């Protein structure tokens, strides 16, 4: 969704209230926290434990998602965030989950 993407990257927030900016930051913080919790729970059941810790893994996954959203907005919504995703997910999956 172009409108939501613009909100998430802050493009539509120029001149908006600090409260709205804070809500977007809070959304990303909560998303990263949830990813971290999921990765911690998953790592508990793994022997040996994953090489990348839950904090770094969650940050990497969120950074990838934010980057894809930014590219979508910067391309004026022509470069789909899902383009090339399967190959990229393979690399992320090996980095985070192996």
N, C-alpha and C. Protein backbone atom coordinates (compact mmCIF):
# COMPACT_ATOMS: atom_id res chain seq x y z
N UNK A 1 0.84 -1.17 0.00
CA UNK A 1 0.00 0.00 0.00
C UNK A 1 0.89 1.24 0.00
N UNK A 2 0.86 2.05 -1.03
CA UNK A 2 1.71 3.24 -1.10
C UNK A 2 1.52 4.23 0.05
N UNK A 3 0.29 4.47 0.44
CA UNK A 3 0.05 5.43 1.51
C UNK A 3 0.63 4.98 2.83
N UNK A 4 0.41 3.73 3.18
CA UNK A 4 0.95 3.19 4.42
C UNK A 4 2.47 3.15 4.36
N UNK A 5 3.02 2.81 3.21
CA UNK A 5 4.48 2.78 3.05
C UNK A 5 5.07 4.16 3.28
N UNK A 6 4.43 5.17 2.74
CA UNK A 6 4.92 6.54 2.94
C UNK A 6 4.88 6.93 4.41
N UNK A 7 3.86 6.51 5.12
CA UNK A 7 3.79 6.78 6.55
C UNK A 7 4.92 6.07 7.30
N UNK A 8 5.14 4.80 6.96
CA UNK A 8 6.14 4.01 7.67
C UNK A 8 7.56 4.52 7.49
N UNK A 9 7.87 5.08 6.34
CA UNK A 9 9.22 5.61 6.13
C UNK A 9 9.33 7.08 6.52
N UNK A 10 8.23 7.68 6.94
CA UNK A 10 8.27 9.06 7.38
C UNK A 10 8.12 10.07 6.26
N UNK A 11 7.96 9.59 5.04
CA UNK A 11 7.84 10.49 3.89
C UNK A 11 6.60 11.38 4.02
N UNK A 12 5.53 10.83 4.51
CA UNK A 12 4.29 11.58 4.64
C UNK A 12 4.23 12.34 5.96
N UNK A 13 5.28 12.25 6.77
CA UNK A 13 5.24 12.86 8.10
C UNK A 13 5.94 14.22 8.16
N UNK A 14 6.43 14.71 7.04
CA UNK A 14 7.09 16.01 7.04
C UNK A 14 6.10 17.07 7.52
N UNK A 15 6.47 17.74 8.59
CA UNK A 15 5.60 18.78 9.13
C UNK A 15 4.50 18.26 10.02
N UNK A 16 4.40 16.96 10.17
CA UNK A 16 3.36 16.39 11.04
C UNK A 16 3.77 16.53 12.49
N UNK A 17 2.87 16.23 13.37
CA UNK A 17 3.17 16.37 14.79
C UNK A 17 4.17 15.32 15.25
N UNK A 18 4.89 15.67 16.26
CA UNK A 18 5.87 14.74 16.84
C UNK A 18 5.18 13.51 17.40
N UNK A 19 3.94 13.65 17.80
CA UNK A 19 3.19 12.51 18.33
C UNK A 19 3.04 11.41 17.28
N UNK A 20 2.75 11.79 16.05
CA UNK A 20 2.60 10.81 14.98
C UNK A 20 3.94 10.16 14.67
N UNK A 21 5.00 10.94 14.65
CA UNK A 21 6.35 10.38 14.44
C UNK A 21 6.68 9.38 15.54
N UNK A 22 6.33 9.73 16.76
CA UNK A 22 6.57 8.84 17.89
C UNK A 22 5.81 7.53 17.77
N UNK A 23 4.60 7.61 17.25
CA UNK A 23 3.79 6.38 17.08
C UNK A 23 4.42 5.45 16.04
N UNK A 24 4.97 6.01 14.98
CA UNK A 24 5.64 5.19 13.96
C UNK A 24 6.89 4.55 14.56
N UNK A 25 7.68 5.33 15.32
CA UNK A 25 8.86 4.76 15.99
C UNK A 25 8.44 3.63 16.93
N UNK A 26 7.37 3.86 17.66
CA UNK A 26 6.87 2.85 18.60
C UNK A 26 6.43 1.59 17.87
N UNK A 27 5.81 1.73 16.72
CA UNK A 27 5.39 0.58 15.93
C UNK A 27 6.60 -0.27 15.55
N UNK A 28 7.66 0.37 15.03
CA UNK A 28 8.85 -0.37 14.65
C UNK A 28 9.56 -0.97 15.87
N UNK A 29 9.58 -0.26 16.98
CA UNK A 29 10.18 -0.80 18.20
C UNK A 29 9.44 -2.04 18.67
N UNK A 30 8.13 -1.98 18.64
CA UNK A 30 7.33 -3.14 19.07
C UNK A 30 7.50 -4.32 18.11
N UNK A 31 7.58 -4.02 16.84
CA UNK A 31 7.79 -5.08 15.86
C UNK A 31 9.14 -5.76 16.10
N UNK A 32 10.17 -4.97 16.34
CA UNK A 32 11.49 -5.55 16.61
C UNK A 32 11.47 -6.36 17.90
N UNK A 33 10.78 -5.89 18.91
CA UNK A 33 10.67 -6.63 20.16
C UNK A 33 9.99 -7.98 19.93
N UNK A 34 8.92 -7.99 19.15
CA UNK A 34 8.23 -9.24 18.86
C UNK A 34 9.12 -10.21 18.09
N UNK A 35 9.85 -9.69 17.11
CA UNK A 35 10.78 -10.54 16.37
C UNK A 35 11.84 -11.12 17.30
N UNK A 36 12.35 -10.30 18.19
CA UNK A 36 13.36 -10.75 19.14
C UNK A 36 12.82 -11.87 20.04
N UNK A 37 11.60 -11.70 20.53
CA UNK A 37 10.99 -12.73 21.38
C UNK A 37 10.79 -14.04 20.61
N UNK A 38 10.32 -13.93 19.39
CA UNK A 38 10.12 -15.12 18.56
C UNK A 38 11.44 -15.83 18.33
N UNK A 39 12.48 -15.07 18.01
CA UNK A 39 13.80 -15.67 17.77
C UNK A 39 14.39 -16.28 19.04
N UNK A 40 14.17 -15.65 20.18
CA UNK A 40 14.66 -16.22 21.45
C UNK A 40 13.98 -17.55 21.74
N UNK A 41 12.66 -17.59 21.59
CA UNK A 41 11.92 -18.84 21.83
C UNK A 41 12.36 -19.93 20.86
N UNK A 42 12.55 -19.55 19.62
CA UNK A 42 12.98 -20.51 18.61
C UNK A 42 14.38 -21.04 18.94
N UNK A 43 15.28 -20.15 19.37
CA UNK A 43 16.67 -20.54 19.64
C UNK A 43 16.77 -21.50 20.82
N UNK A 44 15.85 -21.41 21.77
CA UNK A 44 15.87 -22.30 22.93
C UNK A 44 15.78 -23.77 22.51
N UNK A 45 15.03 -24.02 21.46
CA UNK A 45 14.82 -25.40 21.02
C UNK A 45 15.89 -25.90 20.05
N UNK A 46 16.85 -25.06 19.73
CA UNK A 46 17.86 -25.43 18.73
C UNK A 46 19.15 -25.92 19.40
N UNK A 47 19.67 -27.02 18.88
CA UNK A 47 20.97 -27.52 19.32
C UNK A 47 21.76 -27.83 18.06
N UNK A 48 22.86 -27.19 17.80
CA UNK A 48 23.40 -26.06 18.55
C UNK A 48 22.59 -24.79 18.31
N UNK A 49 22.81 -23.83 19.18
CA UNK A 49 22.10 -22.56 19.08
C UNK A 49 22.50 -21.83 17.80
N UNK A 50 21.61 -21.02 17.27
CA UNK A 50 21.96 -20.24 16.07
C UNK A 50 23.18 -19.36 16.31
N UNK A 51 23.94 -19.14 15.27
CA UNK A 51 25.15 -18.32 15.38
C UNK A 51 24.82 -16.86 15.65
N UNK A 52 23.74 -16.37 15.09
CA UNK A 52 23.34 -14.97 15.26
C UNK A 52 22.34 -14.90 16.41
N UNK A 53 22.58 -14.02 17.36
CA UNK A 53 21.70 -13.87 18.51
C UNK A 53 20.35 -13.28 18.12
N UNK A 54 19.40 -13.40 19.04
CA UNK A 54 18.03 -12.93 18.79
C UNK A 54 17.98 -11.43 18.55
N UNK A 55 18.75 -10.65 19.29
CA UNK A 55 18.73 -9.20 19.13
C UNK A 55 19.26 -8.80 17.75
N UNK A 56 20.40 -9.37 17.38
CA UNK A 56 20.97 -9.04 16.07
C UNK A 56 20.09 -9.58 14.94
N UNK A 57 19.53 -10.75 15.11
CA UNK A 57 18.66 -11.33 14.09
C UNK A 57 17.40 -10.51 13.87
N UNK A 58 16.78 -10.08 14.97
CA UNK A 58 15.57 -9.27 14.87
C UNK A 58 15.88 -7.95 14.19
N UNK A 59 17.00 -7.35 14.54
CA UNK A 59 17.39 -6.09 13.93
C UNK A 59 17.65 -6.25 12.44
N UNK A 60 18.30 -7.34 12.06
CA UNK A 60 18.58 -7.60 10.65
C UNK A 60 17.28 -7.79 9.86
N UNK A 61 16.34 -8.56 10.39
CA UNK A 61 15.07 -8.78 9.70
C UNK A 61 14.28 -7.48 9.56
N UNK A 62 14.26 -6.69 10.62
CA UNK A 62 13.54 -5.42 10.56
C UNK A 62 14.21 -4.45 9.59
N UNK A 63 15.54 -4.42 9.60
CA UNK A 63 16.27 -3.55 8.67
C UNK A 63 15.98 -3.94 7.22
N UNK A 64 15.89 -5.23 6.96
CA UNK A 64 15.57 -5.68 5.60
C UNK A 64 14.17 -5.23 5.21
N UNK A 65 13.22 -5.37 6.11
CA UNK A 65 11.84 -4.95 5.82
C UNK A 65 11.77 -3.44 5.61
N UNK A 66 12.43 -2.68 6.48
CA UNK A 66 12.43 -1.23 6.33
C UNK A 66 13.10 -0.81 5.03
N UNK A 67 14.16 -1.47 4.68
CA UNK A 67 14.85 -1.16 3.43
C UNK A 67 13.99 -1.41 2.22
N UNK A 68 13.27 -2.52 2.23
CA UNK A 68 12.38 -2.83 1.11
C UNK A 68 11.25 -1.79 1.00
N UNK A 69 10.72 -1.37 2.14
CA UNK A 69 9.67 -0.35 2.14
C UNK A 69 10.22 0.97 1.61
N UNK A 70 11.42 1.33 2.06
CA UNK A 70 12.06 2.57 1.58
C UNK A 70 12.29 2.53 0.07
N UNK A 71 12.76 1.42 -0.45
CA UNK A 71 12.97 1.30 -1.89
C UNK A 71 11.66 1.45 -2.65
N UNK A 72 10.59 0.89 -2.11
CA UNK A 72 9.27 0.98 -2.73
C UNK A 72 8.85 2.45 -2.84
N UNK A 73 9.02 3.21 -1.76
CA UNK A 73 8.64 4.62 -1.76
C UNK A 73 9.56 5.41 -2.69
N UNK A 74 10.88 5.18 -2.58
CA UNK A 74 11.85 5.93 -3.39
C UNK A 74 11.64 5.71 -4.88
N UNK A 75 11.18 4.50 -5.27
CA UNK A 75 10.95 4.22 -6.69
C UNK A 75 9.60 4.75 -7.17
N UNK A 76 8.94 5.52 -6.30
CA UNK A 76 7.60 6.02 -6.59
C UNK A 76 6.64 4.87 -6.85
N UNK A 77 6.80 3.81 -6.07
CA UNK A 77 5.90 2.65 -6.02
C UNK A 77 5.96 1.77 -7.27
N UNK A 78 7.07 1.85 -8.00
CA UNK A 78 7.25 0.99 -9.17
C UNK A 78 8.02 -0.28 -8.83
N UNK A 79 9.01 -0.18 -7.95
CA UNK A 79 9.82 -1.35 -7.56
C UNK A 79 9.11 -2.05 -6.41
N UNK A 80 8.46 -3.14 -6.70
CA UNK A 80 7.70 -3.84 -5.67
C UNK A 80 8.62 -4.39 -4.58
N UNK A 81 8.18 -4.30 -3.33
CA UNK A 81 9.00 -4.80 -2.23
C UNK A 81 9.23 -6.31 -2.30
N UNK A 82 8.41 -7.00 -3.03
CA UNK A 82 8.54 -8.46 -3.13
C UNK A 82 9.44 -8.90 -4.28
N UNK A 83 9.91 -7.98 -5.10
CA UNK A 83 10.76 -8.33 -6.23
C UNK A 83 12.08 -8.90 -5.71
N UNK A 84 12.42 -10.11 -6.14
CA UNK A 84 13.66 -10.76 -5.73
C UNK A 84 13.66 -11.26 -4.29
N UNK A 85 12.49 -11.24 -3.65
CA UNK A 85 12.41 -11.57 -2.24
C UNK A 85 12.81 -13.02 -1.93
N UNK A 86 12.42 -13.96 -2.78
CA UNK A 86 12.72 -15.36 -2.49
C UNK A 86 14.21 -15.59 -2.35
N UNK A 87 14.99 -15.05 -3.26
CA UNK A 87 16.44 -15.20 -3.21
C UNK A 87 17.02 -14.48 -1.99
N UNK A 88 16.53 -13.28 -1.73
CA UNK A 88 17.02 -12.52 -0.59
C UNK A 88 16.63 -13.19 0.73
N UNK A 89 15.43 -13.74 0.77
CA UNK A 89 14.99 -14.42 1.99
C UNK A 89 15.91 -15.62 2.28
N UNK A 90 16.34 -16.31 1.24
CA UNK A 90 17.26 -17.43 1.44
C UNK A 90 18.53 -16.97 2.17
N UNK A 91 19.07 -15.84 1.77
CA UNK A 91 20.27 -15.30 2.42
C UNK A 91 19.98 -14.89 3.86
N UNK A 92 18.85 -14.21 4.07
CA UNK A 92 18.49 -13.81 5.43
C UNK A 92 18.22 -15.02 6.32
N UNK A 93 17.55 -16.00 5.75
CA UNK A 93 17.23 -17.21 6.51
C UNK A 93 18.51 -17.90 6.98
N UNK A 94 19.49 -18.01 6.09
CA UNK A 94 20.76 -18.63 6.48
C UNK A 94 21.48 -17.80 7.54
N UNK A 95 21.39 -16.48 7.44
CA UNK A 95 22.08 -15.60 8.40
C UNK A 95 21.42 -15.64 9.77
N UNK A 96 20.11 -15.71 9.82
CA UNK A 96 19.39 -15.60 11.08
C UNK A 96 19.06 -16.95 11.70
N UNK A 97 18.69 -17.92 10.88
CA UNK A 97 18.13 -19.16 11.42
C UNK A 97 19.06 -20.37 11.38
N UNK A 98 20.26 -20.23 10.86
CA UNK A 98 21.15 -21.40 10.80
C UNK A 98 22.23 -21.28 11.85
